[in-house]
Amino acid sequence: MSTTKPLLNKIAVVAGATRGAGRGIATALGEAGATVICTGRTTRKDGSARSDYNRPETIEETAELVTSLGGKGIAIPTDHLNQDEVKNLADRISKDFGGIDILVNDIWGGEAMVGSPETWNKPMWELDLNQGLRMLRLAVDTHLITSFFLSPLLRKPGGLLVEITDGTLEYNLKNYRISVFYDLAKVSINRLGFSQGHELKQFGATAMTVSPGWLRSEMMLEHFGVTEANWKEAKAPPGFLLSESPRFVGRCIAAVAADSERSRWNQLSVNSGQLAKEYGVRDINGTQPDVWSYMDAEEKGLNPQVSDFLK
């Protein structure tokens, strides 16, 4: 990045900013000076309003972190499956700011439906159909609804729309992902980034898809019984040493947003490791993890060493 606050005066929306990658992206955009509108279902103002996870993190906390890091955080409670709420969000942003410069669709909420590894790879007919359809609604419908109402605010030269998913187009084409429902959800978002890039290109805007690596989200740290302070003590597979804080993918997206030649990413699907190498991005601990390349080497039987993918 060429300046300390390269995104100063830029307006960003991070849909799904309550926790995980969404919070990391919002805070990284704040580091770069942006005004970040943080949306999600879990809010401090209404203790009964919770996502499917029923966790304590709130969008207000995220907005406060954005502000503390040098940006301006604004929390707006939004259920991205509710068309009226998303329309109201768009109307409010249009009235208050006139438009947006960055839209990040990181809405998910289906992690609890994925199950533990021993339940993966079951055939579709052995799964809960309603749960699978709910996963697709949370993963795909939310992104479509959000883009339908907010992308018109982004139709201008330099506008950036980022779809967040798990696995790049290239990786997901070669690898079956957990279940029919999960696989379809993640592949669909890669195509959505491509399709929206086709539509936004005529306005000089860019759409792309980005996949984080092995994310040390609040839920992941809790699963392994560690915190961000002692995460290396987790009893986890070796690849966990290549895990990344949620801020890492956020810094990668902030670097793209600050790039005057960001249109070169239009319609592409990339991961955080690729972007980090391109822009020289470092995680909060100073490392540059690349778990996707490590997994690729593993699958090719190359016996990779973790240290080779942790610069």
Protein backbone atom coordinates (compact mmCIF):
# COMPACT_ATOMS: atom_id res chain seq x y z
CA MET A 1 0.00 0.00 0.00
CA SER A 2 1.37 3.38 -1.00
CA THR A 3 0.08 5.39 1.96
CA THR A 4 -0.66 4.74 5.60
CA LYS A 5 -4.42 5.03 5.05
CA PRO A 6 -4.93 4.24 1.35
CA LEU A 7 -8.68 3.70 1.79
CA LEU A 8 -9.37 6.95 3.59
CA ASN A 9 -12.75 8.39 2.49
CA LYS A 10 -13.74 5.05 0.94
CA ILE A 11 -17.09 3.56 1.93
CA ALA A 12 -17.18 -0.21 2.41
CA VAL A 13 -19.91 -2.67 3.33
CA VAL A 14 -18.93 -5.98 4.87
CA ALA A 15 -22.00 -8.19 4.86
CA GLY A 16 -21.54 -10.81 7.54
CA ALA A 17 -19.07 -8.84 9.66
CA THR A 18 -20.02 -10.26 13.05
CA ARG A 19 -17.15 -12.72 13.41
CA GLY A 20 -14.62 -14.82 11.53
CA ALA A 21 -13.42 -13.65 8.14
CA GLY A 22 -16.08 -10.94 8.03
CA ARG A 23 -14.75 -9.33 11.18
CA GLY A 24 -11.19 -9.72 9.95
CA ILE A 25 -12.01 -8.08 6.64
CA ALA A 26 -13.90 -5.21 8.28
CA THR A 27 -11.04 -4.50 10.69
CA ALA A 28 -8.41 -4.66 7.95
CA LEU A 29 -10.38 -2.17 5.85
CA GLY A 30 -10.52 -0.02 8.98
CA GLU A 31 -6.73 -0.26 9.32
CA ALA A 32 -6.55 1.16 5.82
CA GLY A 33 -8.77 4.10 6.81
CA ALA A 34 -12.11 3.09 5.31
CA THR A 35 -15.55 3.78 6.68
CA VAL A 36 -16.91 0.27 7.13
CA ILE A 37 -20.60 -0.56 7.44
CA CYS A 38 -20.73 -3.81 9.40
CA THR A 39 -23.85 -5.91 8.98
CA GLY A 40 -25.09 -9.15 10.46
CA ARG A 41 -27.83 -10.65 12.59
CA THR A 42 -26.24 -10.69 16.03
CA THR A 43 -26.54 -7.30 17.69
CA ARG A 44 -25.91 -5.94 21.16
CA LYS A 45 -29.05 -3.82 20.94
CA ASP A 46 -31.32 -6.86 20.84
CA GLY A 47 -30.07 -9.72 22.96
CA SER A 48 -32.56 -12.07 21.33
CA ALA A 49 -31.23 -11.38 17.83
CA ARG A 50 -28.76 -14.13 17.02
CA SER A 51 -27.40 -15.95 14.01
CA ASP A 52 -27.75 -19.70 13.62
CA TYR A 53 -24.56 -20.04 15.68
CA ASN A 54 -26.07 -18.37 18.75
CA ARG A 55 -22.68 -16.95 19.69
CA PRO A 56 -21.84 -13.81 21.71
CA GLU A 57 -19.95 -11.79 19.06
CA THR A 58 -21.87 -8.75 17.79
CA ILE A 59 -21.66 -6.36 14.87
CA GLU A 60 -21.25 -3.49 17.32
CA GLU A 61 -18.03 -5.07 18.61
CA THR A 62 -16.76 -5.33 15.05
CA ALA A 63 -17.61 -1.69 14.32
CA GLU A 64 -15.77 -0.61 17.48
CA LEU A 65 -12.70 -2.57 16.41
CA VAL A 66 -12.80 -0.90 12.99
CA THR A 67 -12.81 2.53 14.64
CA SER A 68 -10.05 1.61 17.09
CA LEU A 69 -7.81 0.63 14.17
CA GLY A 70 -8.16 3.96 12.39
CA GLY A 71 -11.29 3.62 10.30
CA LYS A 72 -14.89 4.42 11.07
CA GLY A 73 -17.11 1.50 11.97
CA ILE A 74 -20.88 1.64 11.60
CA ALA A 75 -23.02 -1.29 12.76
CA ILE A 76 -26.34 -1.88 10.99
CA PRO A 77 -28.27 -5.02 12.01
CA THR A 78 -29.34 -6.88 8.88
CA ASP A 79 -30.70 -10.33 8.12
CA HIS A 80 -29.43 -10.92 4.59
CA LEU A 81 -32.15 -13.46 3.87
CA ASN A 82 -34.76 -10.76 4.49
CA GLN A 83 -35.23 -8.77 1.29
CA ASP A 84 -36.95 -5.87 3.05
CA GLU A 85 -34.08 -5.50 5.52
CA VAL A 86 -31.45 -5.54 2.79
CA LYS A 87 -33.44 -3.05 0.71
CA ASN A 88 -33.68 -0.78 3.75
CA LEU A 89 -29.92 -1.12 4.22
CA ALA A 90 -29.34 -0.05 0.62
CA ASP A 91 -31.75 2.88 0.94
CA ARG A 92 -30.04 4.07 4.12
CA ILE A 93 -26.58 3.85 2.59
CA SER A 94 -27.74 5.67 -0.54
CA LYS A 95 -29.21 8.45 1.58
CA ASP A 96 -26.24 8.76 3.96
CA PHE A 97 -23.33 8.20 1.57
CA GLY A 98 -24.65 8.30 -1.99
CA GLY A 99 -22.95 5.03 -2.86
CA ILE A 100 -20.21 2.60 -1.85
CA ASP A 101 -16.71 1.79 -3.05
CA ILE A 102 -16.34 -1.74 -1.69
CA LEU A 103 -18.83 -4.53 -1.06
CA VAL A 104 -17.72 -7.76 0.57
CA ASN A 105 -20.23 -10.60 0.70
CA ASP A 106 -19.06 -12.83 3.54
CA ILE A 107 -22.46 -14.08 4.72
CA TRP A 108 -22.47 -17.72 5.75
CA GLY A 109 -23.94 -19.08 8.99
CA GLY A 110 -23.97 -22.73 7.93
CA GLU A 111 -20.88 -23.99 9.75
CA ALA A 112 -22.85 -25.92 12.37
CA MET A 113 -24.54 -27.85 9.55
CA VAL A 114 -21.23 -29.05 8.12
CA GLY A 115 -20.72 -31.51 10.96
CA SER A 116 -17.51 -33.12 12.21
CA PRO A 117 -15.07 -34.88 9.84
CA GLU A 118 -16.38 -38.33 10.67
CA THR A 119 -19.76 -37.34 9.20
CA TRP A 120 -18.33 -35.98 5.94
CA ASN A 121 -18.67 -37.61 2.53
CA LYS A 122 -22.01 -39.21 3.27
CA PRO A 123 -24.23 -39.59 0.18
CA MET A 124 -26.92 -36.97 -0.27
CA TRP A 125 -29.77 -39.36 0.54
CA GLU A 126 -28.36 -39.99 4.01
CA LEU A 127 -28.34 -36.29 4.88
CA ASP A 128 -31.07 -34.04 6.21
CA LEU A 129 -32.64 -32.46 3.13
CA ASN A 130 -34.12 -29.48 4.94
CA GLN A 131 -30.79 -28.76 6.63
CA GLY A 132 -29.02 -29.00 3.29
CA LEU A 133 -31.44 -26.59 1.67
CA ARG A 134 -31.05 -24.23 4.62
CA MET A 135 -27.29 -24.32 4.08
CA LEU A 136 -27.76 -23.31 0.46
CA ARG A 137 -30.07 -20.47 1.42
CA LEU A 138 -27.54 -19.16 3.94
CA ALA A 139 -24.62 -19.55 1.53
CA VAL A 140 -26.09 -18.54 -1.81
CA ASP A 141 -29.44 -16.74 -1.42
CA THR A 142 -27.93 -14.27 1.05
CA HIS A 143 -25.23 -13.27 -1.42
CA LEU A 144 -27.70 -12.90 -4.28
CA ILE A 145 -30.12 -10.80 -2.23
CA THR A 146 -27.32 -8.57 -0.96
CA SER A 147 -25.83 -8.00 -4.39
CA PHE A 148 -29.26 -7.38 -5.92
CA PHE A 149 -29.85 -4.38 -3.68
CA LEU A 150 -26.31 -3.13 -3.04
CA SER A 151 -24.43 -3.64 -6.31
CA PRO A 152 -26.28 -0.70 -7.94
CA LEU A 153 -24.52 1.50 -5.36
CA LEU A 154 -21.19 0.13 -6.63
CA ARG A 155 -21.63 0.68 -10.35
CA LYS A 156 -18.83 3.16 -10.91
CA PRO A 157 -15.19 3.15 -11.98
CA GLY A 158 -13.05 1.59 -9.27
CA GLY A 159 -15.91 -0.15 -7.46
CA LEU A 160 -14.94 -3.49 -5.93
CA LEU A 161 -17.20 -6.43 -5.10
CA VAL A 162 -15.62 -9.39 -3.31
CA GLU A 163 -17.35 -12.72 -2.82
CA ILE A 164 -15.93 -14.85 0.01
CA THR A 165 -16.06 -18.63 -0.20
CA ASP A 166 -14.08 -21.74 0.75
CA GLY A 167 -11.75 -22.89 -2.01
CA THR A 168 -10.90 -21.32 -5.34
CA LEU A 169 -12.61 -22.30 -8.55
CA GLU A 170 -9.53 -24.31 -9.55
CA TYR A 171 -9.35 -26.16 -6.23
CA ASN A 172 -13.06 -26.90 -5.98
CA LEU A 173 -13.22 -28.22 -9.55
CA LYS A 174 -10.67 -30.90 -8.57
CA ASN A 175 -11.89 -31.69 -5.06
CA TYR A 176 -15.23 -32.87 -3.68
CA ARG A 177 -16.08 -30.70 -0.67
CA ILE A 178 -17.62 -32.55 2.29
CA SER A 179 -21.18 -33.05 0.97
CA VAL A 180 -23.33 -32.36 -2.07
CA PHE A 181 -24.85 -29.34 -0.33
CA TYR A 182 -21.58 -27.85 0.93
CA ASP A 183 -19.87 -28.55 -2.39
CA LEU A 184 -22.63 -26.81 -4.33
CA ALA A 185 -22.64 -23.84 -1.95
CA LYS A 186 -18.94 -23.16 -2.31
CA VAL A 187 -18.74 -23.74 -6.06
CA SER A 188 -21.76 -21.48 -6.61
CA ILE A 189 -20.08 -18.48 -5.01
CA ASN A 190 -17.07 -18.81 -7.29
CA ARG A 191 -19.38 -18.64 -10.28
CA LEU A 192 -21.28 -15.74 -8.73
CA GLY A 193 -18.08 -13.70 -8.58
CA PHE A 194 -17.46 -14.48 -12.24
CA SER A 195 -21.02 -13.56 -13.27
CA GLN A 196 -21.05 -10.30 -11.35
CA GLY A 197 -17.70 -9.37 -12.87
CA HIS A 198 -19.30 -9.76 -16.27
CA GLU A 199 -22.11 -7.39 -15.30
CA LEU A 200 -19.99 -4.78 -13.48
CA LYS A 201 -17.17 -4.56 -16.00
CA GLN A 202 -19.14 -2.17 -18.24
CA PHE A 203 -19.22 0.34 -15.37
CA GLY A 204 -15.50 0.10 -14.66
CA ALA A 205 -16.10 -1.91 -11.49
CA THR A 206 -14.52 -5.22 -10.50
CA ALA A 207 -15.91 -8.41 -8.98
CA MET A 208 -13.81 -11.31 -7.75
CA THR A 209 -13.93 -14.27 -5.40
CA VAL A 210 -11.50 -14.75 -2.53
CA SER A 211 -10.99 -17.80 -0.34
CA PRO A 212 -9.28 -17.51 3.05
CA GLY A 213 -7.00 -20.32 4.16
CA TRP A 214 -7.34 -22.27 7.40
CA LEU A 215 -8.94 -19.53 9.44
CA ARG A 216 -8.35 -19.06 13.16
CA SER A 217 -11.88 -17.84 13.68
CA GLU A 218 -13.45 -17.55 17.10
CA MET A 219 -15.18 -20.88 16.52
CA MET A 220 -12.02 -22.61 15.32
CA LEU A 221 -9.97 -21.41 18.30
CA GLU A 222 -12.74 -22.54 20.63
CA HIS A 223 -12.87 -25.94 18.92
CA PHE A 224 -9.18 -26.54 19.63
CA GLY A 225 -9.40 -25.05 23.13
CA VAL A 226 -6.89 -22.26 22.48
CA THR A 227 -6.85 -18.50 21.98
CA GLU A 228 -5.12 -16.25 19.47
CA ALA A 229 -2.37 -15.80 22.09
CA ASN A 230 -1.51 -19.52 22.34
CA TRP A 231 -2.97 -21.04 19.16
CA LYS A 232 0.27 -22.86 18.30
CA GLU A 233 -0.35 -25.11 21.33
CA ALA A 234 -3.47 -26.57 19.72
CA LYS A 235 -3.57 -30.34 19.26
CA ALA A 236 -4.29 -30.07 15.56
CA PRO A 237 -2.94 -31.45 12.25
CA PRO A 238 0.45 -30.05 11.14
CA GLY A 239 -1.24 -27.80 8.58
CA PHE A 240 -2.75 -25.77 11.40
CA LEU A 241 0.62 -24.08 11.77
CA LEU A 242 -0.22 -22.50 8.41
CA SER A 243 -3.52 -21.19 9.68
CA GLU A 244 -4.19 -17.48 9.41
CA SER A 245 -5.86 -14.88 11.55
CA PRO A 246 -9.08 -13.43 10.09
CA ARG A 247 -7.20 -10.16 9.57
CA PHE A 248 -4.90 -11.78 6.99
CA VAL A 249 -7.51 -12.22 4.26
CA GLY A 250 -8.83 -8.77 5.19
CA ARG A 251 -5.45 -7.19 4.56
CA CYS A 252 -5.30 -8.97 1.22
CA ILE A 253 -8.67 -7.51 0.22
CA ALA A 254 -7.63 -4.07 1.45
CA ALA A 255 -4.57 -4.32 -0.78
CA VAL A 256 -6.75 -5.14 -3.79
CA ALA A 257 -9.06 -2.22 -2.96
CA ALA A 258 -6.06 0.13 -2.83
CA ASP A 259 -4.68 -1.13 -6.13
CA SER A 260 -5.36 1.26 -9.01
CA GLU A 261 -5.11 -1.73 -11.33
CA ARG A 262 -7.57 -3.90 -9.39
CA SER A 263 -9.54 -4.60 -12.56
CA ARG A 264 -6.93 -7.25 -13.44
CA TRP A 265 -8.66 -9.45 -10.85
CA ASN A 266 -12.08 -9.13 -12.46
CA GLN A 267 -13.97 -12.46 -12.60
CA LEU A 268 -11.04 -14.34 -11.06
CA SER A 269 -11.09 -16.70 -8.09
CA VAL A 270 -8.02 -16.53 -5.84
CA ASN A 271 -6.98 -17.40 -2.30
CA SER A 272 -5.37 -15.35 0.44
CA GLY A 273 -1.96 -16.93 -0.09
CA GLN A 274 -1.90 -15.86 -3.73
CA LEU A 275 -2.91 -12.30 -2.93
CA ALA A 276 -0.45 -12.06 -0.05
CA LYS A 277 2.43 -12.97 -2.35
CA GLU A 278 1.27 -10.50 -4.98
CA TYR A 279 0.98 -7.56 -2.56
CA GLY A 280 3.51 -8.50 0.13
CA VAL A 281 0.78 -8.80 2.77
CA ARG A 282 1.69 -10.13 6.21
CA ASP A 283 -0.50 -11.58 8.93
CA ILE A 284 -0.71 -9.97 12.37
CA ASN A 285 2.21 -12.14 13.54
CA GLY A 286 4.37 -11.10 10.58
CA THR A 287 4.07 -14.37 8.65
CA GLN A 288 2.75 -15.08 5.16
CA PRO A 289 1.01 -18.49 5.41
CA ASP A 290 -0.04 -20.37 2.28
CA VAL A 291 -2.03 -23.42 3.37
CA TRP A 292 -3.63 -23.95 -0.05
CA SER A 293 -0.25 -24.52 -1.71
CA TYR A 294 0.70 -26.82 1.15
CA MET A 295 -2.45 -28.91 0.66
CA ASP A 296 -1.85 -29.04 -3.07
CA ALA A 297 1.66 -30.39 -2.46
CA GLU A 298 0.23 -32.95 0.01
CA GLU A 299 -2.30 -34.16 -2.55
CA LYS A 300 0.49 -34.60 -5.08
CA GLY A 301 2.38 -36.79 -2.60
CA LEU A 302 5.33 -34.40 -2.36
CA ASN A 303 5.70 -34.69 1.43
CA PRO A 304 5.72 -30.90 1.95
CA GLN A 305 7.28 -29.23 4.98
CA VAL A 306 5.18 -26.63 6.77
CA SER A 307 8.13 -24.28 7.05
CA ASP A 308 8.37 -24.07 3.25
CA PHE A 309 4.91 -22.48 3.12
CA LEU A 310 5.30 -20.08 6.04
CA LYS A 311 7.49 -17.23 4.88
